[in-house]
Amino acid sequence: MSCINMVHLSLWSATLGLLAGAARLLRAGDPLFLHGPFYRAGRPTGPSNETFDASLKTRNPL
C-alpha cells in the first residue's frame, strides 16, 4: 500500500486514521510506503520543504 503526499498536508488525526486503516488492511510484514517532504534527524530534507511546512502551518496550525 502506498500513500503519496498526504501525511504532510493533512491533520494528524487523518494520519492516525491512515495508519489504523493500513493496520486493518495489510497483512503482518506488508509495507506501507509514504512519500512526502519529511524531516530526517530533526532537519528538513530540503529548504523548500521547510518553507512549505511553514506555509501550511500559517494556514492551519493543527
Protein backbone atom coordinates (compact mmCIF):
# COMPACT_ATOMS: atom_id res chain seq x y z
CA MET A 1 0.00 0.00 0.00
CA SER A 2 1.29 3.48 -0.74
CA CYS A 3 0.27 6.96 0.31
CA ILE A 4 1.67 9.87 -1.67
CA ASN A 5 1.63 13.47 -0.41
CA MET A 6 -0.96 13.06 2.32
CA VAL A 7 0.55 12.96 5.78
CA HIS A 8 2.40 16.27 5.49
CA LEU A 9 -0.74 18.04 4.21
CA SER A 10 -3.45 16.63 6.45
CA LEU A 11 -4.35 16.88 10.09
CA TRP A 12 -2.56 14.48 12.44
CA SER A 13 -5.90 12.76 13.07
CA ALA A 14 -6.07 11.87 9.35
CA THR A 15 -2.60 10.35 9.54
CA LEU A 16 -3.66 8.30 12.55
CA GLY A 17 -6.69 7.15 10.56
CA LEU A 18 -4.46 6.16 7.65
CA LEU A 19 -2.25 4.12 9.95
CA ALA A 20 -5.24 2.45 11.63
CA GLY A 21 -6.75 1.59 8.25
CA ALA A 22 -3.45 0.24 6.96
CA ALA A 23 -3.12 -1.90 10.08
CA ARG A 24 -6.53 -3.42 9.36
CA LEU A 25 -5.92 -3.98 5.64
CA LEU A 26 -2.29 -5.03 5.45
CA ARG A 27 -1.01 -8.42 6.48
CA ALA A 28 1.79 -8.63 9.02
CA GLY A 29 5.02 -7.68 7.29
CA ASP A 30 3.35 -5.92 4.33
CA PRO A 31 4.86 -2.49 3.69
CA LEU A 32 3.18 0.89 3.84
CA PHE A 33 5.10 3.35 1.68
CA LEU A 34 4.79 7.04 2.50
CA HIS A 35 6.08 9.77 0.22
CA GLY A 36 6.38 13.42 1.02
CA PRO A 37 8.75 16.05 2.37
CA PHE A 38 9.83 14.68 5.72
CA TYR A 39 12.40 15.60 8.33
CA ARG A 40 15.43 13.37 8.94
CA ALA A 41 17.33 13.60 12.20
CA GLY A 42 15.22 16.64 13.09
CA ARG A 43 16.14 18.56 9.95
CA PRO A 44 14.15 19.18 6.75
CA THR A 45 15.37 17.28 3.70
CA GLY A 46 15.44 20.50 1.68
CA PRO A 47 14.91 24.26 2.13
CA SER A 48 11.74 24.25 0.04
CA ASN A 49 10.25 21.62 2.35
CA GLU A 50 10.80 23.85 5.37
CA THR A 51 9.22 26.82 3.58
CA PHE A 52 6.24 24.72 2.51
CA ASP A 53 5.78 23.36 6.05
CA ALA A 54 5.80 26.89 7.48
CA SER A 55 3.27 27.98 4.85
CA LEU A 56 0.93 25.13 5.75
CA LYS A 57 1.19 25.92 9.46
CA THR A 58 0.22 29.57 8.88
CA ARG A 59 -2.99 28.35 7.20
CA ASN A 60 -3.77 25.74 9.85
CA PRO A 61 -1.53 25.25 12.90
CA LEU A 62 -3.05 21.82 13.54
